[in-house]
Protein backbone atom coordinates (compact mmCIF):
# COMPACT_ATOMS: atom_id res chain seq x y z
CA MET A 1 99.61 -134.47 74.65
CA PHE A 2 102.50 -136.11 72.72
CA GLY A 3 103.03 -139.13 74.91
CA ARG A 4 99.59 -139.71 75.99
CA ASP A 5 97.36 -139.09 73.13
CA LYS A 6 94.16 -141.22 73.46
CA LYS A 7 93.42 -140.77 69.76
CA ALA A 8 96.64 -142.04 68.75
CA PRO A 9 96.39 -145.05 66.49
CA ALA A 10 97.25 -148.46 68.01
CA GLY A 11 99.47 -150.99 66.19
CA GLU A 12 100.62 -150.19 62.69
CA ALA A 13 99.59 -147.02 61.35
CA ALA A 14 99.98 -145.10 58.08
CA ARG A 15 102.18 -141.99 58.08
CA ALA A 16 101.55 -138.50 56.64
CA VAL A 17 102.88 -135.03 57.05
CA ALA A 18 100.96 -132.30 58.84
CA VAL A 19 101.37 -128.48 58.83
CA VAL A 20 101.36 -126.49 62.01
CA VAL A 21 98.64 -123.85 61.60
CA ARG A 22 98.57 -122.40 65.16
CA SER A 23 101.36 -122.36 67.77
CA THR A 24 101.84 -120.78 71.18
CA THR A 25 104.72 -120.95 73.71
CA ARG A 26 104.47 -120.26 77.35
CA ARG A 27 107.59 -118.95 79.05
CA ASP A 28 108.74 -118.84 82.69
CA GLY A 29 109.98 -115.61 84.33
CA SER A 30 113.49 -115.93 82.79
CA GLY A 31 112.11 -116.26 79.24
CA GLU A 32 112.73 -119.96 78.86
CA PRO A 33 109.96 -121.97 77.24
CA THR A 34 107.87 -124.18 79.47
CA ALA A 35 105.19 -125.45 77.13
CA HIS A 36 104.29 -125.43 73.40
CA TRP A 37 100.66 -125.93 72.12
CA GLY A 38 98.71 -125.27 69.08
CA THR A 39 97.03 -127.02 66.16
CA PHE A 40 98.33 -129.07 63.25
CA ARG A 41 96.49 -129.92 59.98
CA VAL A 42 96.87 -133.07 57.96
CA ARG A 43 95.90 -133.62 54.36
CA PHE A 44 95.36 -137.01 53.42
CA GLU A 45 96.05 -138.51 50.05
CA ASP A 46 92.42 -138.02 48.84
CA GLY A 47 92.54 -134.30 49.67
CA VAL A 48 90.52 -134.50 52.91
CA THR A 49 91.96 -132.52 55.74
CA ALA A 50 91.56 -132.72 59.48
CA GLU A 51 93.11 -130.74 62.37
CA ARG A 52 94.25 -131.81 65.82
CA ALA A 53 95.39 -129.84 68.80
CA PHE A 54 98.85 -130.57 70.32
CA LYS A 55 100.55 -129.74 73.62
CA THR A 56 103.89 -130.56 75.15
CA ALA A 57 105.44 -129.47 78.25
CA TYR A 58 109.13 -129.23 79.20
CA ARG A 59 108.78 -131.96 81.71
CA GLU A 60 107.83 -134.39 79.00
CA TRP A 61 111.15 -133.95 77.53
CA LEU A 62 113.13 -134.70 80.83
CA THR A 63 114.46 -138.16 80.47
CA LYS A 64 117.64 -139.91 81.58
CA ASP A 65 118.66 -140.03 77.89
CA LEU A 66 118.31 -136.37 77.17
CA GLY A 67 118.82 -134.90 80.63
CA ASN A 68 117.82 -131.33 81.67
CA ASP A 69 118.50 -129.78 78.12
CA ARG A 70 116.59 -126.37 77.69
CA GLY A 71 118.26 -126.04 74.35
CA LEU A 72 116.59 -129.18 73.11
CA PHE A 73 113.23 -127.94 74.21
CA ARG A 74 113.91 -124.70 72.22
CA VAL A 75 114.35 -126.92 69.14
CA VAL A 76 111.01 -128.44 69.90
CA GLY A 77 109.46 -125.00 69.84
CA GLU A 78 111.12 -124.07 66.61
CA MET A 79 109.88 -127.36 64.98
CA LEU A 80 106.37 -126.55 66.18
CA ALA A 81 106.30 -123.07 64.59
CA VAL A 82 103.45 -121.97 62.34
CA GLY A 83 104.19 -123.43 58.84
CA ALA A 84 106.40 -126.20 59.98
CA THR A 85 105.73 -129.81 58.89
CA VAL A 86 105.59 -132.61 61.43
CA PRO A 87 105.23 -136.28 61.01
CA VAL A 88 101.85 -137.87 62.03
CA ARG A 89 100.50 -141.39 62.13
CA TYR A 90 96.95 -142.33 61.68
CA ASP A 91 94.66 -145.39 61.38
CA PRO A 92 93.57 -145.92 57.74
CA ALA A 93 90.25 -147.40 58.90
CA ASP A 94 89.50 -144.32 61.08
CA ARG A 95 91.37 -141.29 60.09
CA ALA A 96 89.79 -139.38 63.02
CA LYS A 97 92.52 -141.39 65.02
CA PHE A 98 95.69 -139.43 64.09
CA ALA A 99 98.39 -138.12 66.29
CA LEU A 100 101.86 -136.67 65.96
CA ASP A 101 104.46 -139.51 65.27
CA ARG A 102 106.36 -139.07 68.46
CA ALA A 103 109.22 -141.28 67.62
CA ALA A 104 109.75 -139.65 64.14
CA PHE A 105 109.50 -136.23 65.77
CA GLU A 106 111.92 -137.04 68.53
CA ALA A 107 114.49 -138.26 65.91
CA GLU A 108 114.16 -134.95 64.02
CA VAL A 109 114.47 -133.03 67.23
CA LEU A 110 117.62 -134.83 68.29
CA ALA A 111 119.21 -134.46 64.80
CA ARG A 112 118.81 -130.62 65.30
CA ARG A 113 120.07 -130.74 68.93
CA PRO A 114 122.31 -127.65 69.75
CA GLY A 115 125.86 -128.65 69.25
CA GLU A 116 125.08 -131.33 66.81
CA PRO A 117 125.80 -131.10 63.01
CA ALA A 118 122.48 -130.35 61.23
């Protein structure tokens, strides 16, 4: 999960870009997205690749700063579509420890928030 990834690097981490290779969206009875999950693949500078599953639920995006914003969660889904690039962080000493860079991803989501200039 985005906020509680046990394999996320601690402390300072290197940054890379990953490509979403699989993506699924669960929807409620009205068609609104309730969760997004799939896999992203990162290619490190030396050409080695690794994959990691991701999952995020609508409730993870309910905060006092963001409110109950379904439009924002739709943007999250658009940004996790197959072929999209996402920022990741990894531990250079142990590249098995990598995860979505939540802060950078949130900033990109907020920049694309409905009603905001792109």
